[in-house]
């Protein structure tokens, strides 16, 4: 069975609300947003910063639900600033014969990181 990598989920144009360089690492994301798109705590993510073009990999730490928190921690705090827009993505290995039926879970958020548009 051959596997291909497809987009699993995406939080589109989230606003960075905090940055803590001295935290152990990772990215803190509102738990309700994570659950909405199926992101698990400690799951690997790829983040694209729309403001400066930086792209980096890290992992998810759940923040308080309904808080709108999107926080860069550790080294990632050097790759963006509060107020930057970021796209948070992760991917899944899918059997090639199931690829046509695969649909990523995507949420577009407003300026306060509240769900605006949901695609599943």
N, C-alpha and C. Protein backbone atom coordinates (compact mmCIF):
# COMPACT_ATOMS: atom_id res chain seq x y z
N UNK A 1 0.85 -1.17 0.00
CA UNK A 1 0.00 0.00 0.00
C UNK A 1 0.90 1.25 0.00
N UNK A 2 0.65 2.13 -0.94
CA UNK A 2 1.44 3.35 -1.07
C UNK A 2 0.72 4.49 -0.34
N UNK A 3 1.46 5.24 0.49
CA UNK A 3 0.90 6.37 1.23
C UNK A 3 1.35 7.68 0.60
N UNK A 4 0.46 8.65 0.62
CA UNK A 4 0.83 10.00 0.20
C UNK A 4 0.48 10.97 1.32
N UNK A 5 1.16 12.09 1.34
CA UNK A 5 0.95 13.08 2.39
C UNK A 5 -0.02 14.14 1.90
N UNK A 6 -1.13 14.31 2.64
CA UNK A 6 -2.15 15.29 2.30
C UNK A 6 -2.41 16.20 3.50
N UNK A 7 -2.92 17.38 3.22
CA UNK A 7 -3.30 18.30 4.28
C UNK A 7 -4.39 17.65 5.14
N UNK A 8 -4.18 17.62 6.44
CA UNK A 8 -5.17 17.07 7.37
C UNK A 8 -6.04 18.19 7.93
N UNK A 9 -5.39 19.27 8.37
CA UNK A 9 -6.15 20.37 8.95
C UNK A 9 -5.39 21.68 8.81
N UNK A 10 -6.18 22.78 8.91
CA UNK A 10 -5.56 24.10 8.77
C UNK A 10 -6.38 25.13 9.55
N UNK A 11 -5.68 25.97 10.29
CA UNK A 11 -6.27 27.16 10.91
C UNK A 11 -5.68 28.31 10.12
N UNK A 12 -6.54 28.98 9.37
CA UNK A 12 -6.10 29.96 8.37
C UNK A 12 -6.17 31.39 8.89
N UNK A 13 -5.06 32.10 8.80
CA UNK A 13 -4.93 33.52 9.13
C UNK A 13 -5.26 33.83 10.59
N UNK A 14 -4.71 33.01 11.48
CA UNK A 14 -4.84 33.28 12.92
C UNK A 14 -3.92 34.43 13.29
N UNK A 15 -4.30 35.16 14.31
CA UNK A 15 -3.51 36.31 14.79
C UNK A 15 -2.70 35.88 16.00
N UNK A 16 -1.39 36.11 15.96
CA UNK A 16 -0.51 35.79 17.09
C UNK A 16 -0.87 36.72 18.25
N UNK A 17 -1.15 36.11 19.41
CA UNK A 17 -1.56 36.88 20.58
C UNK A 17 -0.47 36.98 21.64
N UNK A 18 0.58 36.18 21.50
CA UNK A 18 1.64 36.21 22.49
C UNK A 18 2.89 35.54 21.97
N UNK A 19 4.01 35.85 22.63
CA UNK A 19 5.29 35.25 22.28
C UNK A 19 6.13 35.16 23.55
N UNK A 20 6.65 33.98 23.82
CA UNK A 20 7.43 33.77 25.04
C UNK A 20 8.69 32.99 24.68
N UNK A 21 9.77 33.70 24.47
CA UNK A 21 11.03 33.08 24.05
C UNK A 21 11.58 32.13 25.12
N UNK A 22 11.27 32.37 26.37
CA UNK A 22 11.86 31.57 27.46
C UNK A 22 11.01 30.37 27.85
N UNK A 23 9.92 30.14 27.11
CA UNK A 23 9.11 28.94 27.33
C UNK A 23 9.85 27.76 26.73
N UNK A 24 9.51 26.54 27.12
CA UNK A 24 10.24 25.35 26.68
C UNK A 24 10.14 25.07 25.18
N UNK A 25 9.19 25.64 24.51
CA UNK A 25 9.03 25.40 23.07
C UNK A 25 7.59 25.13 22.72
N UNK A 26 7.31 24.96 21.48
CA UNK A 26 5.99 24.64 20.96
C UNK A 26 5.18 25.87 20.60
N UNK A 27 3.91 25.67 20.32
CA UNK A 27 2.98 26.75 20.00
C UNK A 27 1.70 26.50 20.78
N UNK A 28 1.27 27.48 21.56
CA UNK A 28 0.03 27.35 22.32
C UNK A 28 -1.11 27.81 21.43
N UNK A 29 -2.12 26.94 21.29
CA UNK A 29 -3.27 27.22 20.43
C UNK A 29 -4.54 26.94 21.22
N UNK A 30 -5.51 27.84 21.10
CA UNK A 30 -6.82 27.68 21.72
C UNK A 30 -7.31 26.25 21.50
N UNK A 31 -7.59 25.52 22.59
CA UNK A 31 -8.00 24.12 22.49
C UNK A 31 -9.27 23.93 21.67
N UNK A 32 -10.18 24.90 21.73
CA UNK A 32 -11.42 24.74 20.96
C UNK A 32 -11.16 24.82 19.46
N UNK A 33 -10.20 25.65 19.03
CA UNK A 33 -9.82 25.70 17.61
C UNK A 33 -9.17 24.38 17.20
N UNK A 34 -8.31 23.86 18.08
CA UNK A 34 -7.65 22.59 17.78
C UNK A 34 -8.67 21.48 17.59
N UNK A 35 -9.61 21.40 18.50
CA UNK A 35 -10.63 20.34 18.42
C UNK A 35 -11.50 20.50 17.17
N UNK A 36 -11.75 21.74 16.80
CA UNK A 36 -12.58 22.02 15.63
C UNK A 36 -11.98 21.44 14.36
N UNK A 37 -10.64 21.45 14.25
CA UNK A 37 -9.98 20.93 13.05
C UNK A 37 -9.29 19.58 13.29
N UNK A 38 -9.43 19.02 14.50
CA UNK A 38 -8.86 17.70 14.77
C UNK A 38 -7.38 17.69 15.08
N UNK A 39 -6.85 18.80 15.60
CA UNK A 39 -5.44 18.84 16.01
C UNK A 39 -5.31 18.31 17.43
N UNK A 40 -4.42 17.37 17.62
CA UNK A 40 -4.19 16.81 18.95
C UNK A 40 -3.05 17.55 19.66
N UNK A 41 -3.12 17.54 20.97
CA UNK A 41 -2.02 18.13 21.73
C UNK A 41 -0.75 17.34 21.44
N UNK A 42 0.34 18.04 21.26
CA UNK A 42 1.68 17.52 20.93
C UNK A 42 1.82 17.08 19.47
N UNK A 43 0.79 17.28 18.67
CA UNK A 43 0.88 16.93 17.25
C UNK A 43 1.79 17.92 16.52
N UNK A 44 2.54 17.41 15.56
CA UNK A 44 3.44 18.24 14.77
C UNK A 44 2.64 19.15 13.84
N UNK A 45 3.10 20.40 13.74
CA UNK A 45 2.45 21.37 12.85
C UNK A 45 3.51 22.11 12.04
N UNK A 46 3.05 22.64 10.91
CA UNK A 46 3.84 23.54 10.08
C UNK A 46 3.13 24.89 10.13
N UNK A 47 3.89 25.93 10.43
CA UNK A 47 3.31 27.26 10.56
C UNK A 47 3.93 28.17 9.51
N UNK A 48 3.09 28.91 8.81
CA UNK A 48 3.55 29.91 7.86
C UNK A 48 3.16 31.29 8.37
N UNK A 49 4.14 32.17 8.52
CA UNK A 49 3.87 33.53 8.97
C UNK A 49 3.63 34.39 7.74
N UNK A 50 2.41 34.88 7.58
CA UNK A 50 2.01 35.65 6.40
C UNK A 50 2.74 37.00 6.36
N UNK A 51 3.14 37.52 7.50
CA UNK A 51 3.75 38.85 7.57
C UNK A 51 5.21 38.87 7.13
N UNK A 52 5.95 37.80 7.45
CA UNK A 52 7.40 37.84 7.15
C UNK A 52 7.90 36.66 6.32
N UNK A 53 7.00 35.74 5.96
CA UNK A 53 7.38 34.62 5.12
C UNK A 53 8.05 33.47 5.84
N UNK A 54 8.26 33.58 7.13
CA UNK A 54 8.88 32.48 7.88
C UNK A 54 7.97 31.26 7.87
N UNK A 55 8.58 30.08 7.77
CA UNK A 55 7.85 28.82 7.89
C UNK A 55 8.64 27.97 8.88
N UNK A 56 7.93 27.35 9.82
CA UNK A 56 8.62 26.55 10.82
C UNK A 56 7.73 25.42 11.31
N UNK A 57 8.39 24.37 11.79
CA UNK A 57 7.70 23.23 12.37
C UNK A 57 7.83 23.28 13.88
N UNK A 58 6.78 22.89 14.56
CA UNK A 58 6.80 22.76 16.01
C UNK A 58 5.67 21.81 16.38
N UNK A 59 5.19 21.86 17.62
CA UNK A 59 4.09 21.01 18.03
C UNK A 59 3.10 21.82 18.85
N UNK A 60 1.90 21.26 18.99
CA UNK A 60 0.78 21.95 19.62
C UNK A 60 0.76 21.73 21.13
N UNK A 61 0.53 22.82 21.85
CA UNK A 61 0.16 22.77 23.27
C UNK A 61 -1.21 23.42 23.35
N UNK A 62 -2.17 22.77 23.98
CA UNK A 62 -3.50 23.35 24.11
C UNK A 62 -3.48 24.55 25.06
N UNK A 63 -4.11 25.63 24.61
CA UNK A 63 -4.36 26.79 25.46
C UNK A 63 -5.81 26.73 25.92
N UNK A 64 -6.20 27.66 26.75
CA UNK A 64 -7.56 27.70 27.27
C UNK A 64 -8.57 27.75 26.13
N UNK A 65 -9.61 26.92 26.24
CA UNK A 65 -10.66 26.89 25.22
C UNK A 65 -11.39 28.22 25.18
N UNK A 66 -11.74 28.63 23.96
CA UNK A 66 -12.47 29.88 23.71
C UNK A 66 -11.68 31.14 24.05
N UNK A 67 -10.36 31.00 24.27
CA UNK A 67 -9.53 32.15 24.65
C UNK A 67 -8.98 32.90 23.44
N UNK A 68 -8.91 32.22 22.29
CA UNK A 68 -8.32 32.83 21.10
C UNK A 68 -6.81 32.87 21.13
N UNK A 69 -6.20 32.20 22.10
CA UNK A 69 -4.74 32.25 22.24
C UNK A 69 -4.05 31.56 21.06
N UNK A 70 -3.06 32.24 20.51
CA UNK A 70 -2.13 31.71 19.51
C UNK A 70 -0.78 32.27 19.93
N UNK A 71 0.03 31.46 20.58
CA UNK A 71 1.27 31.96 21.17
C UNK A 71 2.49 31.22 20.65
N UNK A 72 3.49 31.98 20.23
CA UNK A 72 4.77 31.43 19.79
C UNK A 72 5.64 31.24 21.02
N UNK A 73 6.18 30.04 21.20
CA UNK A 73 6.99 29.74 22.38
C UNK A 73 8.39 29.29 21.99
N UNK A 74 9.34 29.55 22.88
CA UNK A 74 10.71 29.13 22.65
C UNK A 74 11.29 29.81 21.43
N UNK A 75 12.04 29.06 20.63
CA UNK A 75 12.70 29.63 19.45
C UNK A 75 11.72 30.21 18.45
N UNK A 76 10.50 29.66 18.39
CA UNK A 76 9.52 30.17 17.43
C UNK A 76 9.11 31.61 17.74
N UNK A 77 9.32 32.05 18.99
CA UNK A 77 8.98 33.43 19.36
C UNK A 77 9.84 34.43 18.58
N UNK A 78 10.96 33.97 18.05
CA UNK A 78 11.83 34.84 17.25
C UNK A 78 11.39 34.92 15.79
N UNK A 79 10.39 34.11 15.41
CA UNK A 79 9.96 34.03 14.01
C UNK A 79 8.67 34.79 13.72
N UNK A 80 8.19 35.53 14.72
CA UNK A 80 6.98 36.31 14.53
C UNK A 80 6.78 37.27 15.69
N UNK A 81 5.77 38.12 15.52
CA UNK A 81 5.45 39.11 16.55
C UNK A 81 3.97 39.07 16.85
N UNK A 82 3.61 39.60 17.99
CA UNK A 82 2.20 39.73 18.34
C UNK A 82 1.53 40.55 17.25
N UNK A 83 0.39 40.06 16.78
CA UNK A 83 -0.35 40.72 15.71
C UNK A 83 -0.12 40.13 14.34
N UNK A 84 0.96 39.34 14.18
CA UNK A 84 1.21 38.69 12.89
C UNK A 84 0.09 37.71 12.56
N UNK A 85 -0.18 37.55 11.28
CA UNK A 85 -1.13 36.54 10.80
C UNK A 85 -0.34 35.28 10.44
N UNK A 86 -0.83 34.14 10.91
CA UNK A 86 -0.17 32.86 10.64
C UNK A 86 -1.19 31.84 10.14
N UNK A 87 -0.71 30.90 9.35
CA UNK A 87 -1.51 29.75 8.94
C UNK A 87 -0.88 28.52 9.57
N UNK A 88 -1.69 27.76 10.28
CA UNK A 88 -1.23 26.59 11.02
C UNK A 88 -1.76 25.35 10.30
N UNK A 89 -0.85 24.48 9.87
CA UNK A 89 -1.23 23.31 9.08
C UNK A 89 -0.63 22.04 9.67
N UNK A 90 -1.30 20.93 9.43
CA UNK A 90 -0.66 19.64 9.66
C UNK A 90 -1.12 18.68 8.58
N UNK A 91 -0.44 17.57 8.51
CA UNK A 91 -0.60 16.67 7.38
C UNK A 91 -0.79 15.24 7.87
N UNK A 92 -1.35 14.40 7.01
CA UNK A 92 -1.57 12.99 7.34
C UNK A 92 -1.11 12.12 6.19
N UNK A 93 -0.68 10.92 6.54
CA UNK A 93 -0.34 9.91 5.54
C UNK A 93 -1.63 9.16 5.20
N UNK A 94 -2.01 9.19 3.94
CA UNK A 94 -3.26 8.60 3.49
C UNK A 94 -2.95 7.57 2.40
N UNK A 95 -3.58 6.39 2.47
CA UNK A 95 -3.39 5.44 1.36
C UNK A 95 -3.80 6.10 0.04
N UNK A 96 -2.99 5.92 -0.96
CA UNK A 96 -3.22 6.59 -2.25
C UNK A 96 -4.62 6.30 -2.80
N UNK A 97 -5.12 5.10 -2.59
CA UNK A 97 -6.44 4.77 -3.12
C UNK A 97 -7.58 5.44 -2.35
N UNK A 98 -7.29 6.10 -1.23
CA UNK A 98 -8.29 6.83 -0.46
C UNK A 98 -8.15 8.35 -0.61
N UNK A 99 -7.17 8.78 -1.37
CA UNK A 99 -6.84 10.21 -1.47
C UNK A 99 -7.99 11.05 -2.03
N UNK A 100 -8.70 10.52 -3.01
CA UNK A 100 -9.78 11.30 -3.62
C UNK A 100 -10.93 11.56 -2.65
N UNK A 101 -11.09 10.71 -1.66
CA UNK A 101 -12.18 10.87 -0.68
C UNK A 101 -11.75 11.71 0.53
N UNK A 102 -10.46 12.02 0.61
CA UNK A 102 -9.94 12.78 1.76
C UNK A 102 -10.30 14.26 1.65
N UNK A 103 -10.75 14.83 2.76
CA UNK A 103 -11.05 16.25 2.82
C UNK A 103 -10.46 16.83 4.10
N UNK A 104 -9.59 17.82 3.99
CA UNK A 104 -9.02 18.42 5.20
C UNK A 104 -10.07 19.22 5.97
N UNK A 105 -9.83 19.38 7.25
CA UNK A 105 -10.68 20.21 8.10
C UNK A 105 -10.02 21.58 8.19
N UNK A 106 -10.71 22.61 7.72
CA UNK A 106 -10.14 23.95 7.62
C UNK A 106 -11.04 24.94 8.32
N UNK A 107 -10.45 25.83 9.10
CA UNK A 107 -11.20 26.92 9.71
C UNK A 107 -10.49 28.23 9.40
N UNK A 108 -11.25 29.20 8.94
CA UNK A 108 -10.77 30.57 8.75
C UNK A 108 -11.26 31.33 9.97
N UNK A 109 -10.35 32.05 10.62
CA UNK A 109 -10.71 32.76 11.85
C UNK A 109 -10.74 34.27 11.63
N UNK A 110 -11.43 34.97 12.53
CA UNK A 110 -11.46 36.43 12.47
C UNK A 110 -10.26 36.99 13.23
N UNK A 111 -10.21 38.30 13.41
CA UNK A 111 -9.06 38.94 14.06
C UNK A 111 -8.88 38.58 15.53
N UNK A 112 -9.91 37.99 16.13
CA UNK A 112 -9.82 37.55 17.53
C UNK A 112 -9.71 36.04 17.63
N UNK A 113 -9.39 35.41 16.50
CA UNK A 113 -9.21 33.96 16.42
C UNK A 113 -10.47 33.17 16.75
N UNK A 114 -11.60 33.73 16.41
CA UNK A 114 -12.87 33.02 16.53
C UNK A 114 -13.22 32.45 15.15
N UNK A 115 -13.78 31.24 15.12
CA UNK A 115 -14.12 30.63 13.82
C UNK A 115 -15.07 31.51 13.02
N UNK A 116 -14.71 31.73 11.75
CA UNK A 116 -15.53 32.52 10.85
C UNK A 116 -16.14 31.62 9.77
N UNK A 117 -15.30 30.78 9.18
CA UNK A 117 -15.74 29.85 8.14
C UNK A 117 -15.13 28.49 8.45
N UNK A 118 -15.95 27.44 8.39
CA UNK A 118 -15.47 26.09 8.68
C UNK A 118 -15.75 25.22 7.45
N UNK A 119 -14.70 24.50 7.01
CA UNK A 119 -14.84 23.54 5.91
C UNK A 119 -14.41 22.18 6.43
N UNK A 120 -15.25 21.20 6.25
CA UNK A 120 -14.91 19.83 6.68
C UNK A 120 -15.20 18.86 5.57
